N, C-alpha and C. Protein backbone atom coordinates (compact mmCIF):
# COMPACT_ATOMS: atom_id res chain seq x y z
N VAL A 1 18.16 -22.06 -10.47
CA VAL A 1 17.90 -21.90 -8.82
C VAL A 1 18.15 -20.60 -8.44
N LEU A 2 19.43 -20.38 -8.77
CA LEU A 2 20.00 -18.74 -8.46
C LEU A 2 19.05 -17.85 -9.06
N PHE A 3 18.86 -17.95 -10.52
CA PHE A 3 18.34 -17.28 -10.91
C PHE A 3 16.84 -16.68 -10.41
N ILE A 4 16.07 -17.74 -9.96
CA ILE A 4 14.98 -17.42 -9.32
C ILE A 4 15.00 -17.09 -8.05
N PHE A 5 16.00 -17.11 -7.45
CA PHE A 5 16.19 -16.55 -6.27
C PHE A 5 16.51 -15.06 -6.17
N LEU A 6 17.39 -14.76 -7.32
CA LEU A 6 17.81 -13.43 -7.46
C LEU A 6 16.37 -12.90 -7.86
N ILE A 7 15.56 -13.43 -8.85
CA ILE A 7 14.16 -12.77 -9.41
C ILE A 7 13.37 -12.41 -8.19
N SER A 8 13.17 -13.40 -7.40
CA SER A 8 12.15 -13.29 -6.25
C SER A 8 12.55 -12.13 -5.04
N PHE A 9 14.18 -11.96 -4.93
CA PHE A 9 14.63 -10.88 -3.66
C PHE A 9 14.45 -9.75 -4.66
N ALA A 10 14.80 -9.35 -5.85
CA ALA A 10 14.41 -8.33 -6.62
C ALA A 10 12.75 -7.55 -6.59
N ARG A 11 12.39 -8.85 -6.80
CA ARG A 11 10.25 -8.53 -6.62
C ARG A 11 10.50 -7.97 -5.24
N SER A 12 10.71 -8.54 -3.93
CA SER A 12 10.40 -8.35 -2.90
C SER A 12 11.06 -7.32 -2.26
N THR A 13 12.07 -6.95 -2.70
CA THR A 13 12.69 -5.58 -2.20
C THR A 13 11.95 -4.71 -2.91
N SER A 14 12.06 -4.38 -4.30
CA SER A 14 11.25 -3.30 -4.67
C SER A 14 9.82 -3.17 -4.52
N PHE A 15 9.17 -4.41 -4.35
CA PHE A 15 7.63 -4.35 -3.54
C PHE A 15 7.49 -3.64 -2.36
N TYR A 16 8.61 -3.87 -1.29
CA TYR A 16 8.77 -3.06 0.13
C TYR A 16 9.09 -1.84 -0.15
N PHE A 17 9.86 -1.40 -1.26
CA PHE A 17 10.20 0.10 -1.39
C PHE A 17 8.91 0.90 -2.15
N PHE A 18 8.09 0.29 -2.95
CA PHE A 18 6.94 0.47 -3.39
C PHE A 18 6.10 0.82 -2.27
N SER A 19 5.67 -0.29 -1.38
CA SER A 19 4.98 -0.04 -0.59
C SER A 19 5.14 0.96 0.49
N PHE A 20 6.53 1.24 1.10
CA PHE A 20 6.84 2.05 2.01
C PHE A 20 6.68 3.59 1.00
N LYS A 21 6.87 3.61 0.30
CA LYS A 21 6.62 5.01 -0.61
C LYS A 21 5.36 5.17 -0.51
N ALA A 22 4.61 4.40 -0.94
CA ALA A 22 2.89 4.70 -0.95
C ALA A 22 2.49 5.03 0.45
N SER A 23 2.87 4.21 1.43
CA SER A 23 2.39 4.75 2.93
C SER A 23 2.95 6.15 3.13
N LYS A 24 4.28 6.29 2.89
CA LYS A 24 4.91 7.61 3.40
C LYS A 24 3.94 8.94 2.59
N ASN A 25 3.60 8.90 1.35
CA ASN A 25 2.68 9.70 0.55
C ASN A 25 1.82 9.92 1.25
N LEU A 26 0.70 8.68 1.34
CA LEU A 26 -0.43 8.79 2.07
C LEU A 26 -0.69 9.80 3.31
N PHE A 27 0.46 8.98 3.96
CA PHE A 27 0.69 10.14 5.29
C PHE A 27 0.69 11.15 5.15
N GLU A 28 1.75 11.75 4.52
CA GLU A 28 2.00 13.38 3.96
C GLU A 28 1.05 13.87 3.72
N ARG A 29 0.23 13.57 2.85
CA ARG A 29 -1.23 14.33 2.25
C ARG A 29 -2.20 14.14 2.99
N MET A 30 -2.55 13.19 4.16
CA MET A 30 -3.18 13.38 5.01
C MET A 30 -2.84 14.30 6.29
N LEU A 31 -1.43 14.00 6.51
CA LEU A 31 -1.08 15.59 7.71
C LEU A 31 -1.18 16.71 6.85
N GLU A 32 -0.79 16.90 5.81
CA GLU A 32 -1.11 18.36 5.19
C GLU A 32 -2.62 18.68 5.04
N SER A 33 -3.62 17.62 4.85
CA SER A 33 -4.82 18.12 4.79
C SER A 33 -5.32 18.49 6.10
N VAL A 34 -4.82 18.10 7.25
CA VAL A 34 -4.87 18.29 8.47
C VAL A 34 -4.63 19.61 8.81
N LEU A 35 -3.20 19.88 8.54
CA LEU A 35 -2.66 20.94 8.98
C LEU A 35 -3.36 22.24 8.33
N TYR A 36 -3.81 21.95 7.05
CA TYR A 36 -4.10 23.26 6.43
C TYR A 36 -5.69 23.43 6.53
N SER A 37 -6.53 21.99 6.85
CA SER A 37 -8.02 22.81 7.14
C SER A 37 -8.21 23.87 8.23
N PRO A 38 -9.56 24.47 8.04
CA PRO A 38 -9.99 25.78 8.34
C PRO A 38 -10.04 25.25 10.04
N ILE A 39 -10.33 26.19 10.98
CA ILE A 39 -10.05 26.00 12.22
C ILE A 39 -11.49 25.54 12.87
N TYR A 40 -12.88 25.60 12.43
CA TYR A 40 -13.91 24.95 12.70
C TYR A 40 -13.78 23.50 12.58
N PHE A 41 -12.86 23.05 11.63
CA PHE A 41 -12.78 21.33 11.89
C PHE A 41 -12.20 20.91 13.06
N PHE A 42 -11.64 21.58 13.72
CA PHE A 42 -11.10 21.29 14.92
C PHE A 42 -12.02 21.54 16.04
N PHE A 43 -12.92 22.39 16.06
CA PHE A 43 -14.04 22.52 16.86
C PHE A 43 -15.06 21.32 16.54
N ASN A 44 -15.19 20.94 15.51
CA ASN A 44 -16.45 19.99 15.42
C ASN A 44 -15.72 18.88 15.57
N SER A 45 -14.29 18.47 15.44
CA SER A 45 -13.62 17.20 15.66
C SER A 45 -12.71 17.38 16.89
N THR A 46 -12.68 16.15 17.81
CA THR A 46 -11.95 16.09 18.58
C THR A 46 -10.67 15.57 18.44
N GLN A 47 -9.60 15.47 19.01
CA GLN A 47 -8.49 15.12 18.98
C GLN A 47 -8.21 13.36 18.56
N GLY A 48 -9.12 13.08 19.40
CA GLY A 48 -9.31 11.55 19.42
C GLY A 48 -9.91 10.91 17.98
N LYS A 49 -10.73 11.64 17.51
CA LYS A 49 -11.51 11.33 16.18
C LYS A 49 -10.46 10.96 15.10
N ILE A 50 -9.56 12.56 15.25
CA ILE A 50 -8.76 12.62 14.07
C ILE A 50 -7.46 11.63 14.35
N LEU A 51 -7.00 11.15 14.90
CA LEU A 51 -5.85 10.38 15.64
C LEU A 51 -6.37 8.94 15.20
N ASN A 52 -7.58 8.54 15.52
CA ASN A 52 -7.98 7.19 15.44
C ASN A 52 -8.32 7.25 13.69
N ARG A 53 -9.11 8.04 12.99
CA ARG A 53 -8.97 8.07 11.58
C ARG A 53 -7.45 8.19 10.82
N PHE A 54 -6.41 8.63 11.44
CA PHE A 54 -4.99 8.39 10.91
C PHE A 54 -4.54 7.26 11.10
N SER A 55 -4.55 6.48 12.83
CA SER A 55 -4.30 5.18 12.49
C SER A 55 -4.82 4.05 11.73
N LYS A 56 -6.11 4.21 11.48
CA LYS A 56 -7.13 3.33 10.84
C LYS A 56 -6.35 3.49 9.59
N ASP A 57 -6.40 4.30 8.97
CA ASP A 57 -6.03 4.21 7.43
C ASP A 57 -4.79 4.45 7.27
N GLN A 58 -3.59 4.41 8.04
CA GLN A 58 -2.56 3.99 8.20
C GLN A 58 -2.16 2.38 8.16
N ALA A 59 -3.15 2.05 8.96
CA ALA A 59 -2.74 0.39 9.34
C ALA A 59 -2.92 -0.40 8.26
N LEU A 60 -4.37 0.07 7.65
CA LEU A 60 -4.88 -0.26 6.35
C LEU A 60 -3.89 -0.76 5.27
N VAL A 61 -3.10 0.93 5.16
CA VAL A 61 -2.33 0.84 3.92
C VAL A 61 -0.73 -0.11 4.32
N ASP A 62 -0.44 0.21 5.59
CA ASP A 62 0.52 -0.84 5.71
C ASP A 62 0.84 -2.14 6.08
N GLU A 63 -0.42 -2.70 6.33
CA GLU A 63 -0.83 -3.96 6.53
C GLU A 63 -1.61 -4.57 5.44
N LEU A 64 -2.43 -3.99 5.20
CA LEU A 64 -3.55 -5.14 3.96
C LEU A 64 -3.32 -4.66 2.57
N LEU A 65 -2.97 -3.24 2.21
CA LEU A 65 -2.88 -3.27 0.67
C LEU A 65 -1.40 -3.84 0.21
N PRO A 66 -0.19 -3.97 0.68
CA PRO A 66 0.59 -4.69 0.30
C PRO A 66 0.55 -6.49 0.15
N ILE A 67 -0.27 -6.92 1.10
CA ILE A 67 -0.65 -8.34 1.00
C ILE A 67 -1.32 -8.37 -0.24
N THR A 68 -2.51 -7.65 -0.14
CA THR A 68 -3.85 -7.73 -1.31
C THR A 68 -3.02 -7.53 -2.71
N LEU A 69 -2.10 -6.57 -2.55
CA LEU A 69 -1.31 -6.55 -3.97
C LEU A 69 -0.47 -7.52 -4.71
N SER A 70 0.20 -7.90 -3.39
CA SER A 70 1.01 -9.43 -3.67
C SER A 70 0.53 -10.28 -4.22
N GLU A 71 -0.69 -10.64 -3.67
CA GLU A 71 -1.40 -11.83 -3.72
C GLU A 71 -2.12 -11.45 -5.40
N PHE A 72 -2.82 -10.20 -5.73
CA PHE A 72 -3.10 -10.03 -6.95
C PHE A 72 -2.14 -9.92 -8.09
N LEU A 73 -0.97 -9.52 -7.81
CA LEU A 73 0.15 -9.63 -8.90
C LEU A 73 0.49 -11.07 -9.23
N LEU A 74 0.61 -11.92 -8.26
CA LEU A 74 1.11 -13.14 -8.43
C LEU A 74 -0.22 -14.29 -9.07
N ASN A 75 -1.62 -13.81 -8.60
CA ASN A 75 -2.50 -14.35 -9.40
C ASN A 75 -2.76 -14.09 -10.81
N LEU A 76 -2.33 -12.87 -11.17
CA LEU A 76 -2.23 -12.31 -12.34
C LEU A 76 -1.35 -12.86 -13.37
N CYS A 77 -0.05 -13.03 -12.66
CA CYS A 77 0.89 -13.53 -13.38
C CYS A 77 0.31 -15.34 -13.68
N SER A 78 -0.26 -15.97 -13.02
CA SER A 78 -0.65 -17.14 -12.99
C SER A 78 -1.66 -17.14 -14.19
N VAL A 79 -2.65 -16.29 -14.27
CA VAL A 79 -3.45 -16.28 -15.13
C VAL A 79 -2.82 -16.06 -16.66
N VAL A 80 -1.84 -15.08 -16.66
CA VAL A 80 -1.22 -14.66 -17.70
C VAL A 80 -0.73 -16.08 -18.29
N GLY A 81 0.10 -16.05 -17.44
CA GLY A 81 1.03 -17.80 -17.99
C GLY A 81 -0.04 -18.84 -18.21
N THR A 82 -1.07 -19.22 -17.61
CA THR A 82 -1.75 -20.36 -18.14
C THR A 82 -2.56 -19.80 -19.66
N ILE A 83 -2.93 -18.39 -19.90
CA ILE A 83 -3.54 -18.36 -21.08
C ILE A 83 -2.15 -18.39 -22.19
N ILE A 84 -1.18 -17.80 -21.72
CA ILE A 84 -0.05 -18.22 -22.91
C ILE A 84 0.42 -19.95 -23.00
N LEU A 85 0.28 -20.94 -22.22
CA LEU A 85 0.51 -21.87 -22.23
C LEU A 85 -0.80 -22.50 -23.08
N VAL A 86 -2.00 -21.95 -22.82
CA VAL A 86 -2.94 -22.93 -23.72
C VAL A 86 -2.99 -22.38 -24.96
N CYS A 87 -2.63 -20.91 -25.27
CA CYS A 87 -2.24 -20.72 -26.44
C CYS A 87 -1.24 -21.14 -27.53
N ILE A 88 -0.02 -21.56 -26.79
CA ILE A 88 0.83 -22.42 -27.41
C ILE A 88 0.30 -23.49 -27.65
């Protein structure tokens, strides 16, 4: 039970750090793209549109992506474990 607890804790901690790093990288790349865009981009796009797009993309990465990726990895491990069990 202690081993399972330690493995679960390590998995959750590493998953948190990888999710945080992905979110930070996406935000930095989006910010860099907007800051280095041509000036006519700001004439065609209002500040509200840019801010809404930033917040929507960041919310997707922060909220939906970690949950979806976690469920995918859990299901993948279950499928691989089932295939190994059937083969044995």
